[in-house]
Amino acid sequence: MTPLRPLRQNLCAPLAGALLGASALLSVRQVVAEESAAERLFREGRALLVEQRFAEACPKLEESQRLEPSLGTKLNVAFCHERLGDVATAWVGFHEALITARTAGDAAREAFARARLDALAPRVPWLRVRVSAGDAGADQVVILLDGAALDPVAWDKELPVDPGEHVVAAAHQGEVFWQTTVALRESERVDVAVPAPAPAEAAPAPAERAPAAASRPARRPAAGQPAARLPRARLLPDAPRDGARGERSVGPAAPSAANRIVYEVGGFMGYLWLEADTTAQCSTSYGECYLSLSDDNFLAGATGFIGYTAMERLDLGVRAQISLHSSAGVLIALGPSVSYPLGEQFRVGSTLLFGTATQTGRTYEQGNGYSSDLTVEASVPLGFSLGLGAELGMKLMEGPSGALFLQTTPLFLVGADGLAASLPLGMAYRWE
């Protein structure tokens, strides 16, 4: 008879190999499924980001980063939180991305993260929680920030927090004995003093601490706290994977928000008031001649602006206006200009203008009982003139790369021989 032990060994070896192969195959399929889920979440998050649906985009990008961490996704998550209004969360995210990019030798992404950090730094709110130990001792007190325990090493230090309301509470022996709500705006710094627990509440054994909060900025409560509103900004270009490394690109070639070039073109119609010396003389063989000029004129023309974003929201550049008016003349003005957004819907600005205006008037020559009509052209004011201009725009709609504004750019010019003032109203398209 054939021994049973060798037979069992001959049967078990192939069976064990098959089981190991099946297990490996299942593991590979699971990894592929996770990678596919990460990629799908990333694409969905990017699509929502482009549509400026930030509240929906951020969780998808965060989950994609959790499933498959990468530098590109980390940058997209930080960028999404910036547009959502969580400037402290974005600031911390870009700081982490900067360190990762520097370690990986990715100079383009390191520069991008540094530019965003520089732009966000002036806007981050900071909260300092000051703790009094009292008779109970600091080691027996738990400080809660928005429900999460604050590590004692963070006490009495400024912490970056997102704009909005934050709840600071203090617990002793598992019971909350003090609580307050603090509302912070962008760039604001607030100190909160936590009182010590009453001596009667002290106990020799410290209460069990809640898990220490991660070293991340406190976020606003999700319920009842709307995201801070920000002016529309240029979104990063679409970010595919980086090929073999499986890295997702955040578009390093995109200009930072603090150095982007801004353009604007527009047209307008309106009213021009022009005053000149109507007794201007001209040399004729018959005697003196007098100009009869119209003070009220209808005008139509175009305006333009080119500049760059010197800071996060401040545009510096040059504005120019040129228009024709009903007295057969022109108005030309240009000069350095500054423009600033008020929320998401409005823009305001001012311009120091240099320019001139001309118009055609009818002259009356008088001399020796003879009079005749002769049309001449007079410059108002003659030569150099100086003035001020303003900008007030209201956003009507978003375009593919900018926005369409209902805009007025009134101006006032003063020269040696007269003055001019215009009140135009028109449309302008502004893009980056």
Protein backbone atom coordinates (compact mmCIF):
# COMPACT_ATOMS: atom_id res chain seq x y z
CA MET A 1 0.00 0.00 0.00
CA THR A 2 1.09 3.57 -0.69
CA PRO A 3 1.99 5.46 2.48
CA LEU A 4 -0.57 8.22 3.33
CA ARG A 5 1.96 10.83 4.59
CA PRO A 6 3.75 11.33 1.22
CA LEU A 7 0.38 11.46 -0.52
CA ARG A 8 -0.84 14.20 1.83
CA GLN A 9 2.35 16.16 1.32
CA ASN A 10 2.01 15.90 -2.46
CA LEU A 11 -1.57 17.21 -2.29
CA CYS A 12 -0.97 20.02 0.26
CA ALA A 13 1.91 21.68 -1.54
CA PRO A 14 -0.03 22.61 -4.71
CA LEU A 15 -3.07 23.57 -2.65
CA ALA A 16 -1.02 25.93 -0.46
CA GLY A 17 0.52 27.52 -3.55
CA ALA A 18 -2.92 28.08 -5.07
CA LEU A 19 -4.21 29.66 -1.87
CA LEU A 20 -1.19 31.98 -1.66
CA GLY A 21 -1.66 32.99 -5.31
CA ALA A 22 -5.34 33.72 -4.78
CA SER A 23 -4.55 35.78 -1.68
CA ALA A 24 -1.95 37.80 -3.59
CA LEU A 25 -4.39 38.34 -6.44
CA LEU A 26 -7.04 39.61 -4.04
CA SER A 27 -4.52 41.96 -2.45
CA VAL A 28 -3.55 43.37 -5.85
CA ARG A 29 -7.19 43.86 -6.77
CA GLN A 30 -7.82 45.63 -3.48
CA VAL A 31 -4.86 48.00 -4.08
CA VAL A 32 -6.05 48.72 -7.62
CA ALA A 33 -9.55 49.42 -6.32
CA GLU A 34 -8.17 51.84 -3.72
CA GLU A 35 -6.05 53.61 -6.34
CA SER A 36 -9.06 53.85 -8.64
CA ALA A 37 -11.17 55.29 -5.83
CA ALA A 38 -8.45 57.85 -5.04
CA GLU A 39 -8.17 58.84 -8.69
CA ARG A 40 -11.95 59.07 -9.08
CA LEU A 41 -12.29 61.22 -5.96
CA PHE A 42 -9.47 63.44 -7.18
CA ARG A 43 -11.11 63.99 -10.59
CA GLU A 44 -14.48 64.69 -8.99
CA GLY A 45 -12.91 67.08 -6.50
CA ARG A 46 -11.02 68.92 -9.25
CA ALA A 47 -14.20 69.26 -11.33
CA LEU A 48 -16.05 70.74 -8.34
CA LEU A 49 -13.07 73.02 -7.67
CA VAL A 50 -13.21 74.40 -11.21
CA GLU A 51 -16.97 74.95 -10.78
CA GLN A 52 -16.15 76.82 -7.54
CA ARG A 53 -18.23 74.42 -5.45
CA PHE A 54 -15.57 74.42 -2.77
CA ALA A 55 -17.64 72.98 0.08
CA GLU A 56 -18.21 69.83 -2.00
CA ALA A 57 -14.72 69.69 -3.52
CA CYS A 58 -12.66 69.79 -0.31
CA PRO A 59 -13.97 66.54 1.28
CA LYS A 60 -13.41 64.58 -1.94
CA LEU A 61 -9.86 65.86 -2.30
CA GLU A 62 -9.14 65.12 1.38
CA GLU A 63 -10.41 61.57 1.02
CA SER A 64 -8.31 61.11 -2.13
CA GLN A 65 -5.27 62.30 -0.16
CA ARG A 66 -6.08 59.87 2.65
CA LEU A 67 -6.35 56.92 0.24
CA GLU A 68 -3.28 57.85 -1.79
CA PRO A 69 -1.13 60.66 -0.36
CA SER A 70 0.69 62.81 -2.89
CA LEU A 71 2.16 66.28 -3.08
CA GLY A 72 -0.16 67.35 -5.90
CA THR A 73 -3.28 66.34 -3.98
CA LYS A 74 -1.96 68.04 -0.83
CA LEU A 75 -1.61 71.30 -2.76
CA ASN A 76 -5.09 70.95 -4.21
CA VAL A 77 -6.56 70.36 -0.74
CA ALA A 78 -4.84 73.49 0.60
CA PHE A 79 -5.94 75.50 -2.43
CA CYS A 80 -9.55 74.33 -1.97
CA HIS A 81 -9.59 75.38 1.69
CA GLU A 82 -8.19 78.77 0.73
CA ARG A 83 -11.09 79.35 -1.66
CA LEU A 84 -13.56 78.03 0.93
CA GLY A 85 -12.36 80.69 3.36
CA ASP A 86 -10.46 78.37 5.74
CA VAL A 87 -7.30 80.45 5.43
CA ALA A 88 -5.56 78.94 8.47
CA THR A 89 -6.19 75.37 7.28
CA ALA A 90 -4.92 76.38 3.85
CA TRP A 91 -1.87 78.09 5.36
CA VAL A 92 -0.93 74.96 7.33
CA GLY A 93 -1.54 72.77 4.25
CA PHE A 94 0.71 74.88 2.05
CA HIS A 95 3.38 74.86 4.76
CA GLU A 96 3.32 71.05 4.84
CA ALA A 97 3.41 70.95 1.04
CA LEU A 98 6.39 73.32 1.03
CA ILE A 99 8.37 70.98 3.26
CA THR A 100 7.37 67.95 1.17
CA ALA A 101 8.31 69.69 -2.09
CA ARG A 102 11.64 70.83 -0.69
CA THR A 103 12.45 67.28 0.48
CA ALA A 104 11.49 65.87 -2.93
CA GLY A 105 13.51 68.53 -4.79
CA ASP A 106 10.40 69.83 -6.62
CA ALA A 107 11.43 73.47 -7.07
CA ALA A 108 8.33 74.52 -9.04
CA ARG A 109 5.88 73.30 -6.44
CA GLU A 110 8.03 74.62 -3.62
CA ALA A 111 7.89 78.08 -5.23
CA PHE A 112 4.13 77.81 -5.69
CA ALA A 113 3.57 76.80 -2.05
CA ARG A 114 5.84 79.61 -0.84
CA ALA A 115 3.92 82.18 -2.92
CA ARG A 116 0.60 81.02 -1.45
CA LEU A 117 2.06 81.10 2.07
CA ASP A 118 3.24 84.69 1.56
CA ALA A 119 -0.19 85.68 0.27
CA LEU A 120 -2.12 83.96 3.09
CA ALA A 121 0.10 84.94 6.02
CA PRO A 122 -1.40 88.45 6.52
CA ARG A 123 -4.94 87.01 6.49
CA VAL A 124 -4.61 84.20 9.07
CA PRO A 125 -6.38 84.78 12.42
CA TRP A 126 -4.47 83.76 15.56
CA LEU A 127 -5.86 82.61 18.90
CA ARG A 128 -3.93 82.40 22.18
CA VAL A 129 -5.45 80.43 25.07
CA ARG A 130 -4.02 81.51 28.44
CA VAL A 131 -4.52 79.01 31.25
CA SER A 132 -4.46 79.65 35.00
CA ALA A 133 -3.51 76.55 36.96
CA GLY A 134 -5.00 77.56 40.30
CA ASP A 135 -4.95 75.25 43.25
CA ALA A 136 -5.97 72.25 41.14
CA GLY A 137 -2.83 72.40 39.03
CA ALA A 138 -2.55 72.73 35.28
CA ASP A 139 -2.06 68.99 34.84
CA GLN A 140 -5.63 68.39 36.05
CA VAL A 141 -7.31 70.74 33.54
CA VAL A 142 -8.28 69.87 29.97
CA ILE A 143 -8.69 72.73 27.48
CA LEU A 144 -11.08 72.08 24.58
CA LEU A 145 -11.01 74.02 21.32
CA ASP A 146 -14.10 73.33 19.21
CA GLY A 147 -14.59 70.07 21.12
CA ALA A 148 -11.03 68.73 20.68
CA ALA A 149 -8.52 68.61 23.51
CA LEU A 150 -5.73 71.15 23.14
CA ASP A 151 -2.28 69.78 23.90
CA PRO A 152 -0.73 71.57 26.89
CA VAL A 153 2.33 72.47 24.79
CA ALA A 154 0.01 74.74 22.77
CA TRP A 155 -1.26 76.65 25.81
CA ASP A 156 -0.21 80.29 26.00
CA LYS A 157 0.93 80.15 22.35
CA GLU A 158 -0.68 81.71 19.29
CA LEU A 159 -2.48 79.13 17.16
CA PRO A 160 -3.69 79.65 13.58
CA VAL A 161 -7.47 79.28 13.38
CA ASP A 162 -9.96 79.71 10.57
CA PRO A 163 -12.20 82.81 10.50
CA GLY A 164 -15.53 82.42 12.26
CA GLU A 165 -16.78 81.36 15.67
CA HIS A 166 -14.76 79.02 17.91
CA VAL A 167 -15.73 77.50 21.24
CA VAL A 168 -13.10 77.41 24.00
CA ALA A 169 -13.95 75.33 27.06
CA ALA A 170 -12.18 74.06 30.18
CA ALA A 171 -12.89 70.75 31.93
CA HIS A 172 -11.83 69.37 35.28
CA GLN A 173 -12.45 65.79 36.42
CA GLY A 174 -14.46 65.21 33.23
CA GLU A 175 -16.81 68.15 33.87
CA VAL A 176 -16.80 71.39 31.86
CA PHE A 177 -16.59 74.28 34.35
CA TRP A 178 -16.05 77.17 31.89
CA GLN A 179 -16.86 77.90 28.25
CA THR A 180 -16.87 80.87 25.88
CA THR A 181 -17.38 81.54 22.17
CA VAL A 182 -14.87 83.66 20.27
CA ALA A 183 -15.51 85.16 16.83
CA LEU A 184 -12.41 85.90 14.77
CA ARG A 185 -12.05 87.81 11.54
CA GLU A 186 -9.22 87.56 9.05
CA SER A 187 -5.89 88.97 10.33
CA GLU A 188 -7.28 89.27 13.87
CA ARG A 189 -5.35 88.22 16.97
CA VAL A 190 -7.34 87.32 20.10
CA ASP A 191 -6.28 86.21 23.59
CA VAL A 192 -8.63 84.14 25.76
CA ALA A 193 -7.96 83.77 29.48
CA VAL A 194 -9.22 80.51 30.99
CA PRO A 195 -9.94 80.77 34.73
CA ALA A 196 -8.78 78.14 37.19
CA PRO A 197 -11.35 75.68 38.55
CA ALA A 198 -12.79 76.36 41.99
CA PRO A 199 -10.75 74.79 44.83
CA ALA A 200 -13.70 72.57 45.79
CA GLU A 201 -13.56 70.96 42.37
CA ALA A 202 -9.93 69.94 42.71
CA ALA A 203 -9.07 66.28 43.15
CA PRO A 204 -5.75 64.48 43.76
CA ALA A 205 -6.06 62.27 40.67
CA PRO A 206 -6.17 63.94 37.26
CA ALA A 207 -9.12 63.27 35.01
CA GLU A 208 -8.54 61.11 32.01
CA ARG A 209 -7.53 63.35 29.15
CA ALA A 210 -9.22 63.31 25.81
CA PRO A 211 -6.98 62.49 22.86
CA ALA A 212 -4.69 65.39 22.11
CA ALA A 213 -5.71 67.51 19.16
CA ALA A 214 -3.51 67.38 16.12
CA SER A 215 -1.29 70.37 15.44
CA ARG A 216 -3.70 71.81 12.90
CA PRO A 217 -5.71 75.02 12.93
CA ALA A 218 -9.11 74.88 14.56
CA ARG A 219 -11.85 74.84 11.97
CA ARG A 220 -15.20 76.51 12.23
CA PRO A 221 -18.18 74.41 13.31
CA ALA A 222 -19.85 72.96 10.23
CA ALA A 223 -23.39 73.76 11.37
CA GLY A 224 -24.63 77.32 11.13
CA GLN A 225 -21.28 78.81 10.22
CA PRO A 226 -21.05 79.95 6.58
CA ALA A 227 -17.75 80.04 4.77
CA ALA A 228 -16.07 83.42 4.46
CA ARG A 229 -16.69 85.04 1.09
CA LEU A 230 -13.66 85.72 -1.13
CA PRO A 231 -13.20 87.54 -4.43
CA ARG A 232 -13.11 85.29 -7.40
CA ALA A 233 -9.60 84.21 -8.26
CA ARG A 234 -7.86 82.38 -10.99
CA LEU A 235 -8.20 78.62 -10.49
CA LEU A 236 -5.30 76.31 -11.01
CA PRO A 237 -5.22 74.54 -14.37
CA ASP A 238 -6.45 70.98 -14.62
CA ALA A 239 -4.11 68.64 -12.77
CA PRO A 240 -3.60 65.14 -14.18
CA ARG A 241 -1.37 62.51 -12.64
CA ASP A 242 2.39 62.82 -13.04
CA GLY A 243 2.84 59.53 -14.85
CA ALA A 244 4.96 56.80 -13.35
CA ARG A 245 5.20 58.38 -9.92
CA GLY A 246 1.41 58.47 -9.58
CA GLU A 247 1.77 62.13 -8.52
CA ARG A 248 -1.03 64.57 -9.18
CA SER A 249 0.11 67.91 -10.55
CA VAL A 250 -1.22 71.18 -9.21
CA GLY A 251 -0.04 73.12 -12.22
CA PRO A 252 3.26 74.68 -11.14
CA ALA A 253 3.31 76.90 -14.19
CA ALA A 254 0.30 78.84 -12.91
CA PRO A 255 1.25 82.34 -11.69
CA SER A 256 0.83 83.03 -8.01
CA ALA A 257 -2.11 85.20 -6.97
CA ALA A 258 0.30 87.87 -5.75
CA ASN A 259 2.05 88.32 -9.14
CA ARG A 260 -0.54 87.64 -11.82
CA ILE A 261 -1.06 90.02 -14.74
CA VAL A 262 -4.51 91.62 -14.97
CA TYR A 263 -6.17 93.05 -18.08
CA GLU A 264 -9.38 94.99 -18.64
CA VAL A 265 -11.13 96.43 -21.70
CA GLY A 266 -14.47 98.18 -21.87
CA GLY A 267 -16.69 100.63 -23.68
CA PHE A 268 -18.91 103.40 -22.36
CA MET A 269 -21.29 106.27 -23.14
CA GLY A 270 -22.06 109.25 -20.99
CA TYR A 271 -21.95 112.97 -20.33
CA LEU A 272 -19.05 115.41 -20.75
CA TRP A 273 -18.93 118.86 -19.24
CA LEU A 274 -16.28 121.07 -20.83
CA GLU A 275 -15.45 124.65 -19.91
CA ALA A 276 -12.97 126.82 -21.76
CA ASP A 277 -12.05 130.43 -22.32
CA THR A 278 -14.77 131.47 -24.78
CA THR A 279 -13.06 134.81 -25.37
CA ALA A 280 -9.97 133.21 -26.86
CA GLN A 281 -8.52 135.45 -29.57
CA CYS A 282 -7.18 134.47 -32.94
CA SER A 283 -5.11 136.56 -35.33
CA THR A 284 -6.96 137.78 -38.44
CA SER A 285 -6.68 140.72 -40.75
CA TYR A 286 -10.12 141.92 -39.72
CA GLY A 287 -9.69 142.17 -35.95
CA GLU A 288 -10.63 139.94 -33.02
CA CYS A 289 -12.38 136.59 -33.10
CA TYR A 290 -14.32 134.91 -30.31
CA LEU A 291 -14.99 131.20 -29.74
CA SER A 292 -18.45 129.97 -28.94
CA LEU A 293 -18.08 126.53 -27.31
CA SER A 294 -20.64 124.08 -25.96
CA ASP A 295 -20.38 123.18 -22.26
CA ASP A 296 -22.61 120.09 -22.46
CA ASN A 297 -21.64 117.16 -24.66
CA PHE A 298 -22.53 113.54 -25.24
CA LEU A 299 -19.50 111.23 -25.33
CA ALA A 300 -18.70 107.62 -26.20
CA GLY A 301 -15.40 105.81 -25.96
CA ALA A 302 -13.29 103.01 -24.55
CA THR A 303 -11.29 102.35 -21.40
CA GLY A 304 -8.54 99.88 -20.60
CA PHE A 305 -6.40 98.73 -17.70
CA ILE A 306 -3.24 96.63 -17.50
CA GLY A 307 -1.42 95.84 -14.30
CA TYR A 308 -0.42 93.17 -11.83
CA THR A 309 -1.54 92.03 -8.41
CA ALA A 310 1.00 93.54 -6.05
CA MET A 311 -0.63 91.91 -3.02
CA GLU A 312 -3.31 89.28 -2.58
CA ARG A 313 -6.17 91.53 -3.71
CA LEU A 314 -4.63 94.88 -4.74
CA ASP A 315 -4.07 95.53 -8.46
CA LEU A 316 -1.58 98.21 -9.56
CA GLY A 317 -1.26 99.33 -13.16
CA VAL A 318 -2.13 101.94 -15.78
CA ARG A 319 -5.62 103.00 -16.89
CA ALA A 320 -6.38 104.85 -20.12
CA GLN A 321 -9.52 106.46 -21.53
CA ILE A 322 -10.22 107.85 -24.97
CA SER A 323 -13.57 109.16 -26.17
CA LEU A 324 -15.24 111.23 -28.86
CA HIS A 325 -17.89 113.78 -27.99
CA SER A 326 -20.67 115.66 -29.71
CA SER A 327 -18.67 118.88 -30.21
CA ALA A 328 -16.43 117.10 -32.70
CA GLY A 329 -13.57 116.72 -30.27
CA VAL A 330 -11.76 114.11 -28.21
CA LEU A 331 -10.95 113.45 -24.58
CA ILE A 332 -7.76 111.53 -23.78
CA ALA A 333 -6.52 110.65 -20.31
CA LEU A 334 -4.20 108.05 -18.79
CA GLY A 335 -2.17 107.48 -15.68
CA PRO A 336 -1.22 105.15 -12.81
CA SER A 337 -4.16 103.36 -11.27
CA VAL A 338 -5.01 101.18 -8.27
CA SER A 339 -7.96 98.79 -8.09
CA TYR A 340 -9.34 96.79 -5.16
CA PRO A 341 -12.27 94.33 -4.82
CA LEU A 342 -15.00 94.88 -2.25
CA GLY A 343 -16.27 91.37 -1.58
CA GLU A 344 -17.10 89.24 -4.60
CA GLN A 345 -19.42 91.65 -6.44
CA PHE A 346 -17.81 95.09 -6.46
CA ARG A 347 -14.53 96.78 -7.38
CA VAL A 348 -13.34 100.28 -6.56
CA GLY A 349 -10.28 102.17 -7.68
CA SER A 350 -8.66 105.53 -8.36
CA THR A 351 -6.34 106.95 -11.01
CA LEU A 352 -3.99 109.91 -11.24
CA LEU A 353 -4.66 111.23 -14.75
CA PHE A 354 -2.72 113.23 -17.32
CA GLY A 355 -4.58 114.26 -20.45
CA THR A 356 -6.24 116.83 -22.61
CA ALA A 357 -9.48 117.55 -24.43
CA THR A 358 -10.28 119.18 -27.73
CA GLN A 359 -13.47 120.41 -29.29
CA THR A 360 -14.56 122.31 -32.35
CA GLY A 361 -16.29 125.67 -31.85
CA ARG A 362 -17.66 128.42 -34.11
CA THR A 363 -15.68 131.66 -34.24
CA TYR A 364 -17.01 135.12 -34.97
CA GLU A 365 -14.55 137.53 -36.52
CA GLN A 366 -15.23 141.21 -35.96
CA GLY A 367 -13.55 144.21 -37.56
CA ASN A 368 -14.33 147.18 -39.84
CA GLY A 369 -18.04 146.37 -39.76
CA TYR A 370 -17.40 142.95 -41.29
CA SER A 371 -18.32 139.66 -39.69
CA SER A 372 -18.02 136.11 -40.92
CA ASP A 373 -18.19 132.58 -39.58
CA LEU A 374 -15.16 130.34 -39.51
CA THR A 375 -14.81 126.91 -37.84
CA VAL A 376 -11.62 126.37 -35.87
CA GLU A 377 -10.45 123.69 -33.41
CA ALA A 378 -9.46 124.62 -29.85
CA SER A 379 -7.77 122.43 -27.24
CA VAL A 380 -9.41 122.43 -23.83
CA PRO A 381 -7.34 122.62 -21.79
CA LEU A 382 -4.47 123.58 -24.05
CA GLY A 383 -1.42 121.37 -23.57
CA PHE A 384 -0.83 119.68 -20.25
CA SER A 385 -3.68 118.98 -17.79
CA LEU A 386 -3.88 117.04 -14.55
CA GLY A 387 -6.76 115.32 -12.81
CA LEU A 388 -8.22 112.39 -10.93
CA GLY A 389 -10.33 109.45 -11.96
CA ALA A 390 -12.37 106.85 -10.10
CA GLU A 391 -13.54 103.31 -10.76
CA LEU A 392 -16.72 101.65 -9.52
CA GLY A 393 -17.71 98.29 -10.94
CA MET A 394 -20.38 95.70 -10.17
CA LYS A 395 -19.88 92.12 -11.37
CA LEU A 396 -22.66 90.90 -13.65
CA MET A 397 -21.42 87.44 -14.59
CA GLU A 398 -18.42 85.13 -14.59
CA GLY A 399 -16.65 84.39 -17.87
CA PRO A 400 -14.31 81.56 -18.89
CA SER A 401 -11.24 83.41 -17.61
CA GLY A 402 -12.57 86.56 -15.96
CA ALA A 403 -15.72 88.52 -15.22
CA LEU A 404 -18.03 91.06 -16.89
CA PHE A 405 -18.63 94.29 -14.93
CA LEU A 406 -21.12 97.13 -15.13
CA GLN A 407 -18.69 99.98 -14.65
CA THR A 408 -18.35 103.74 -14.39
CA THR A 409 -15.02 105.57 -14.54
CA PRO A 410 -15.68 109.29 -13.94
CA LEU A 411 -12.80 111.73 -14.27
CA PHE A 412 -11.95 115.38 -13.73
CA LEU A 413 -9.19 117.26 -15.57
CA VAL A 414 -7.90 120.78 -14.87
CA GLY A 415 -5.61 122.80 -17.17
CA ALA A 416 -4.43 126.35 -17.59
CA ASP A 417 -7.22 127.28 -20.02
CA GLY A 418 -10.16 125.25 -18.77
CA LEU A 419 -11.41 122.06 -17.27
CA ALA A 420 -13.28 118.92 -18.25
CA ALA A 421 -15.34 116.37 -16.35
CA SER A 422 -16.96 113.19 -17.63
CA LEU A 423 -19.49 110.74 -16.19
CA PRO A 424 -19.46 107.55 -18.31
CA LEU A 425 -21.33 104.28 -17.84
CA GLY A 426 -20.56 101.05 -19.67
CA MET A 427 -19.37 97.45 -19.62
CA ALA A 428 -15.87 96.12 -18.99
CA TYR A 429 -14.38 92.61 -19.06
CA ARG A 430 -11.58 91.88 -16.62
CA TRP A 431 -9.36 88.82 -16.82
CA GLU A 432 -5.95 87.48 -15.82
